[in-house]
């Protein structure tokens, strides 16, 4: 089985993206397959798990059963990360099931921090970046959270979720979440005037933070900032790695020579069959298993890597 056939032997959430981005299928074929995300497979499963209060697993960032008096741990079953996963699946935001689910979140879900409406965000930039991505994707107002992000940059032009606890230098992880959200919000065309200018400036400085560091190196020494950022993960959750960074710059169409090293490192990870292995699983409770085991080929990672490298290798217009 060749790689494209292997990718198509999967869930609708993968198949429609393969058909669109790798197989050159017709718009009609792509649309028909995408419609199935809301009614079959992984996408339908997640939508079915939403509670009557609009949340997933009874919580916003952490599930309702998490004990706040216990040491912090990552969990991926609450509302925030489910919305991120539905976006990765490519759920059509205009599908009736998507509209219904997101309307429940908009109308009923509030942050634990201070009771803010979900799509207004809270205080941490990694969280707010993902909220802004969701608002932009589902066609909701992201102006408030975009303004918060633009105002919350550190002196180096980017973000760190620990700034409220004294951090004075930015984080790759917080910054990738922020720039994804800012770019998505700008792309909607809904930001206007001074707000649009502030959003664009925040996006520019955040991207420069990542580019100056080649997506994974320390600016001060050139050393790898964290080996895990060179390892491929899926789902990405709140974590940064080279593939997620490259995907952002693909999404905004920004080819920069400072991405070359990351692109070639990504290319070098393909196996003899042209597939990419899952290298770093972000542990924690989740709703589903995509069938990807560490050290084994991953359909999600192969789709994402092929898409990025096709863009990178295309001759600039």
Protein backbone atom coordinates (compact mmCIF):
# COMPACT_ATOMS: atom_id res chain seq x y z
CA UNK A 1 0.00 0.00 0.00
CA UNK A 2 1.51 3.33 -1.01
CA UNK A 3 1.52 6.24 1.43
CA UNK A 4 -1.51 8.07 0.02
CA UNK A 5 -3.59 4.89 0.07
CA UNK A 6 -2.42 4.24 3.64
CA UNK A 7 -3.47 7.73 4.69
CA UNK A 8 -6.87 7.33 3.05
CA UNK A 9 -7.44 4.09 4.95
CA UNK A 10 -8.45 6.10 7.98
CA UNK A 11 -11.00 8.36 9.64
CA UNK A 12 -12.90 11.05 7.68
CA UNK A 13 -10.97 13.75 9.56
CA UNK A 14 -7.76 12.56 7.94
CA UNK A 15 -9.23 11.47 4.62
CA UNK A 16 -10.74 14.80 3.64
CA UNK A 17 -7.48 16.63 4.28
CA UNK A 18 -5.50 14.06 2.29
CA UNK A 19 -7.96 14.39 -0.58
CA UNK A 20 -7.66 18.18 -0.54
CA UNK A 21 -3.96 18.66 0.12
CA UNK A 22 -2.20 15.59 -1.26
CA UNK A 23 -4.46 13.72 -3.68
CA UNK A 24 -5.81 16.59 -5.80
CA UNK A 25 -9.43 15.49 -5.43
CA UNK A 26 -12.32 17.59 -6.71
CA UNK A 27 -13.97 20.17 -4.47
CA UNK A 28 -17.14 18.08 -4.47
CA UNK A 29 -15.30 14.98 -3.25
CA UNK A 30 -13.47 16.92 -0.55
CA UNK A 31 -16.65 18.60 0.70
CA UNK A 32 -18.56 15.33 0.84
CA UNK A 33 -15.80 13.69 2.87
CA UNK A 34 -15.45 16.67 5.19
CA UNK A 35 -19.18 16.60 5.95
CA UNK A 36 -18.68 13.13 7.43
CA UNK A 37 -16.43 14.49 10.21
CA UNK A 38 -19.50 15.71 12.10
CA UNK A 39 -21.46 12.49 11.74
CA UNK A 40 -18.94 9.64 11.69
CA UNK A 41 -15.75 8.57 13.39
CA UNK A 42 -13.63 10.66 15.74
CA UNK A 43 -15.35 13.99 15.11
CA UNK A 44 -18.83 12.65 15.76
CA UNK A 45 -17.56 10.86 18.86
CA UNK A 46 -16.23 14.09 20.36
CA UNK A 47 -19.38 16.03 19.53
CA UNK A 48 -21.50 13.36 21.18
CA UNK A 49 -19.54 13.76 24.43
CA UNK A 50 -20.48 17.40 25.04
CA UNK A 51 -22.48 17.87 28.23
CA UNK A 52 -25.77 19.77 28.56
CA UNK A 53 -23.87 22.64 30.24
CA UNK A 54 -21.78 23.13 27.08
CA UNK A 55 -18.59 21.66 28.53
CA UNK A 56 -16.74 18.47 27.84
CA UNK A 57 -15.91 16.33 30.87
CA UNK A 58 -17.40 18.95 33.17
CA UNK A 59 -14.56 21.45 32.84
CA UNK A 60 -13.05 24.25 30.78
CA UNK A 61 -9.27 23.72 30.87
CA UNK A 62 -9.17 20.75 33.23
CA UNK A 63 -11.93 18.14 33.61
CA UNK A 64 -14.45 18.67 36.37
CA UNK A 65 -13.18 15.66 38.29
CA UNK A 66 -9.63 17.08 38.62
CA UNK A 67 -8.69 17.79 42.23
CA UNK A 68 -7.25 21.27 42.61
CA UNK A 69 -5.51 20.33 45.85
CA UNK A 70 -3.47 17.65 44.09
CA UNK A 71 -0.27 18.26 42.07
CA UNK A 72 -0.90 19.63 38.58
CA UNK A 73 -1.17 17.16 35.73
CA UNK A 74 -2.11 17.43 32.07
CA UNK A 75 -5.51 16.18 30.93
CA UNK A 76 -6.98 16.58 27.46
CA UNK A 77 -10.69 15.80 27.93
CA UNK A 78 -12.06 19.23 28.91
CA UNK A 79 -13.63 21.83 26.62
CA UNK A 80 -10.51 23.79 25.69
CA UNK A 81 -8.60 20.87 24.21
CA UNK A 82 -11.65 19.28 22.62
CA UNK A 83 -12.23 22.45 20.60
CA UNK A 84 -8.58 22.38 19.56
CA UNK A 85 -9.01 18.77 18.43
CA UNK A 86 -12.18 19.48 16.47
CA UNK A 87 -10.31 22.21 14.60
CA UNK A 88 -7.49 19.77 13.82
CA UNK A 89 -10.11 17.37 12.49
CA UNK A 90 -11.31 20.13 10.18
CA UNK A 91 -14.90 20.03 11.41
CA UNK A 92 -16.85 22.29 9.07
CA UNK A 93 -17.74 25.31 11.23
CA UNK A 94 -20.95 25.75 9.23
CA UNK A 95 -22.17 22.22 9.86
CA UNK A 96 -25.31 22.28 12.04
CA UNK A 97 -23.67 20.04 14.64
CA UNK A 98 -20.69 22.39 14.88
CA UNK A 99 -22.89 25.46 15.19
CA UNK A 100 -24.92 23.83 17.94
CA UNK A 101 -21.89 22.68 19.92
CA UNK A 102 -20.00 25.97 19.69
CA UNK A 103 -23.12 27.99 20.49
CA UNK A 104 -23.42 26.06 23.76
CA UNK A 105 -19.81 26.93 24.58
CA UNK A 106 -20.32 30.59 23.71
CA UNK A 107 -23.52 30.93 25.71
CA UNK A 108 -22.74 28.85 28.79
CA UNK A 109 -19.05 28.09 29.33
CA UNK A 110 -17.13 30.40 31.68
CA UNK A 111 -13.52 30.37 32.78
CA UNK A 112 -12.73 29.36 36.35
CA UNK A 113 -10.33 32.31 36.59
CA UNK A 114 -12.94 35.07 36.92
CA UNK A 115 -16.05 33.80 35.20
CA UNK A 116 -15.08 35.23 31.81
CA UNK A 117 -17.00 33.95 28.78
CA UNK A 118 -14.92 31.24 27.12
CA UNK A 119 -14.26 33.19 23.91
CA UNK A 120 -13.10 36.27 25.85
CA UNK A 121 -10.17 34.23 27.17
CA UNK A 122 -8.49 34.54 30.55
CA UNK A 123 -4.93 35.54 31.50
CA UNK A 124 -2.44 32.98 30.18
CA UNK A 125 -1.27 33.65 26.60
CA UNK A 126 -0.94 29.99 25.65
CA UNK A 127 -4.59 29.53 26.61
CA UNK A 128 -5.67 32.78 24.98
CA UNK A 129 -3.91 31.96 21.72
CA UNK A 130 -5.85 28.72 21.44
CA UNK A 131 -9.10 30.50 22.36
CA UNK A 132 -8.46 33.05 19.61
CA UNK A 133 -7.79 30.27 17.09
CA UNK A 134 -11.13 28.71 18.02
CA UNK A 135 -13.00 32.02 17.83
CA UNK A 136 -11.58 32.72 14.39
CA UNK A 137 -12.26 29.19 13.14
CA UNK A 138 -15.86 29.09 14.31
CA UNK A 139 -16.69 32.65 13.25
CA UNK A 140 -17.01 34.25 16.68
CA UNK A 141 -15.78 37.58 18.03
CA UNK A 142 -12.13 37.34 19.04
CA UNK A 143 -11.42 41.05 19.44
CA UNK A 144 -11.21 40.99 23.24
CA UNK A 145 -8.77 38.12 23.49
CA UNK A 146 -6.73 39.47 20.57
CA UNK A 147 -6.33 42.73 22.44
CA UNK A 148 -5.26 40.88 25.56
CA UNK A 149 -2.59 38.99 23.65
CA UNK A 150 -1.23 42.11 21.95
CA UNK A 151 -0.92 43.84 25.32
CA UNK A 152 0.67 40.92 27.14
CA UNK A 153 3.95 40.61 25.23
CA UNK A 154 7.21 40.53 27.11
CA UNK A 155 10.20 42.72 26.25
CA UNK A 156 11.47 40.20 23.69
CA UNK A 157 8.24 40.51 21.72
CA UNK A 158 6.66 37.19 22.58
CA UNK A 159 4.88 35.43 25.45
CA UNK A 160 5.29 33.24 28.49
CA UNK A 161 2.40 31.79 30.49
CA UNK A 162 4.51 32.17 33.62
CA UNK A 163 4.88 35.94 33.24
CA UNK A 164 2.44 36.43 36.07
CA UNK A 165 4.80 34.47 38.29
CA UNK A 166 7.91 36.42 37.39
CA UNK A 167 9.04 35.06 34.01
CA UNK A 168 10.75 37.77 31.96
CA UNK A 169 11.75 35.84 28.84
CA UNK A 170 9.35 34.22 26.44
CA UNK A 171 8.52 30.58 25.85
CA UNK A 172 8.37 28.70 22.54
CA UNK A 173 5.25 26.90 23.79
CA UNK A 174 3.32 30.01 24.75
CA UNK A 175 4.45 31.87 21.65
CA UNK A 176 3.38 29.27 19.08
CA UNK A 177 -0.11 29.21 20.61
CA UNK A 178 -0.29 33.02 20.51
CA UNK A 179 0.91 33.49 16.93
CA UNK A 180 -1.44 30.79 15.66
CA UNK A 181 -4.37 32.62 17.20
CA UNK A 182 -3.31 36.08 16.04
CA UNK A 183 -2.77 34.87 12.47
CA UNK A 184 -6.13 33.11 12.41
CA UNK A 185 -7.89 36.22 13.70
CA UNK A 186 -6.21 38.51 11.16
CA UNK A 187 -7.15 36.11 8.38
CA UNK A 188 -10.85 36.53 9.16
CA UNK A 189 -10.67 40.20 8.14
CA UNK A 190 -12.76 41.12 11.19
CA UNK A 191 -10.00 43.05 12.97
CA UNK A 192 -10.17 46.72 12.03
CA UNK A 193 -8.28 49.96 12.55
CA UNK A 194 -6.00 50.24 15.55
CA UNK A 195 -7.02 46.76 16.70
CA UNK A 196 -5.87 45.24 13.41
CA UNK A 197 -2.59 47.15 13.59
CA UNK A 198 -1.94 45.97 17.14
CA UNK A 199 -2.77 42.38 16.20
CA UNK A 200 -0.49 42.48 13.16
CA UNK A 201 2.35 43.96 15.19
CA UNK A 202 2.00 41.29 17.88
CA UNK A 203 2.01 38.60 15.20
CA UNK A 204 5.14 40.08 13.65
CA UNK A 205 7.12 40.23 16.88
CA UNK A 206 5.98 36.75 17.91
CA UNK A 207 7.01 35.27 14.58
CA UNK A 208 10.39 36.98 14.80
CA UNK A 209 10.93 35.41 18.20
CA UNK A 210 10.49 31.96 16.64
CA UNK A 211 12.46 32.71 13.48
CA UNK A 212 15.42 34.20 15.28
CA UNK A 213 15.67 30.91 17.16
CA UNK A 214 15.20 28.72 14.05
CA UNK A 215 12.10 27.25 15.76
CA UNK A 216 14.13 25.24 18.30
CA UNK A 217 17.44 26.89 19.24
CA UNK A 218 18.47 29.25 22.02
CA UNK A 219 19.20 32.75 20.80
CA UNK A 220 22.07 33.16 23.26
CA UNK A 221 24.10 30.06 22.38
CA UNK A 222 22.50 28.42 19.35
CA UNK A 223 22.07 25.22 21.35
CA UNK A 224 18.89 23.18 21.07
CA UNK A 225 16.56 24.75 23.61
CA UNK A 226 14.81 21.48 24.47
CA UNK A 227 15.33 18.17 22.61
CA UNK A 228 11.59 17.50 22.79
CA UNK A 229 11.01 20.39 20.38
CA UNK A 230 12.86 18.38 17.72
CA UNK A 231 10.55 15.40 18.27
CA UNK A 232 7.25 15.08 16.42
CA UNK A 233 4.05 14.92 18.42
CA UNK A 234 0.36 14.61 17.70
CA UNK A 235 -1.95 15.99 18.99
CA UNK A 236 0.18 19.03 19.75
CA UNK A 237 -1.87 20.24 22.78
CA UNK A 238 -0.02 23.30 24.18
CA UNK A 239 3.43 22.07 23.17
CA UNK A 240 5.73 23.51 20.50
CA UNK A 241 7.81 21.42 18.13
CA UNK A 242 9.42 22.01 14.74
CA UNK A 243 6.49 20.63 12.76
CA UNK A 244 3.98 22.84 14.54
CA UNK A 245 6.21 25.85 13.94
CA UNK A 246 6.56 25.03 10.24
CA UNK A 247 2.80 24.55 9.96
CA UNK A 248 2.25 28.05 11.27
CA UNK A 249 4.52 29.63 8.68
CA UNK A 250 2.91 27.53 5.97
CA UNK A 251 -0.51 28.78 7.08
CA UNK A 252 0.56 32.42 6.67
CA UNK A 253 2.57 31.74 3.50
CA UNK A 254 5.80 33.09 4.97
CA UNK A 255 8.87 31.38 3.51
CA UNK A 256 11.94 32.46 5.45
CA UNK A 257 15.49 31.06 5.14
CA UNK A 258 15.62 30.71 8.90
CA UNK A 259 13.14 27.82 8.57
CA UNK A 260 15.53 25.79 6.41
CA UNK A 261 17.16 23.83 9.23
CA UNK A 262 13.84 22.82 10.75
CA UNK A 263 12.45 21.81 7.35
CA UNK A 264 15.46 19.61 6.61
CA UNK A 265 15.33 18.07 10.06
CA UNK A 266 11.68 17.24 9.44
CA UNK A 267 12.52 15.74 6.04
CA UNK A 268 15.24 13.57 7.56
CA UNK A 269 12.72 11.90 9.85
CA UNK A 270 10.80 10.14 7.06
CA UNK A 271 11.21 6.36 6.98
CA UNK A 272 11.93 4.25 3.90
CA UNK A 273 8.22 4.24 3.02
CA UNK A 274 7.90 8.03 3.23
CA UNK A 275 6.08 7.99 6.56
CA UNK A 276 6.76 9.81 9.82
CA UNK A 277 6.82 8.19 13.25
CA UNK A 278 5.23 9.46 16.44
CA UNK A 279 8.22 10.48 18.57
CA UNK A 280 6.72 12.22 21.59
CA UNK A 281 3.36 11.40 23.12
CA UNK A 282 1.96 14.04 25.47
CA UNK A 283 0.64 11.89 28.27
CA UNK A 284 -2.65 12.52 30.05
CA UNK A 285 -6.28 11.36 30.00
CA UNK A 286 -7.87 11.65 26.57
CA UNK A 287 -11.10 10.69 24.85
CA UNK A 288 -9.62 8.57 22.10
CA UNK A 289 -6.61 6.70 20.82
CA UNK A 290 -5.65 7.42 17.22
CA UNK A 291 -3.81 4.12 16.99
CA UNK A 292 -0.42 5.86 16.97
CA UNK A 293 2.32 4.30 19.06
CA UNK A 294 5.63 5.97 19.80
CA UNK A 295 8.27 4.85 17.34
CA UNK A 296 5.67 3.72 14.79
CA UNK A 297 4.32 5.47 11.68
CA UNK A 298 1.56 7.99 12.35
CA UNK A 299 -1.03 8.92 9.76
CA UNK A 300 -1.56 12.31 11.36
CA UNK A 301 2.13 13.15 11.40
CA UNK A 302 2.63 11.87 7.86
CA UNK A 303 -0.22 14.02 6.56
CA UNK A 304 1.11 17.08 8.38
CA UNK A 305 4.73 16.54 7.36
CA UNK A 306 3.95 15.91 3.69
CA UNK A 307 1.76 19.00 3.57
CA UNK A 308 4.48 21.20 5.06
CA UNK A 309 7.25 19.83 2.86
CA UNK A 310 5.19 20.20 -0.32
CA UNK A 311 4.75 23.85 0.56
CA UNK A 312 8.41 24.32 1.48
CA UNK A 313 9.66 22.64 -1.69
CA UNK A 314 7.32 24.52 -4.03
CA UNK A 315 9.00 27.18 -6.13
CA UNK A 316 8.22 30.64 -4.72
CA UNK A 317 5.80 32.58 -6.87
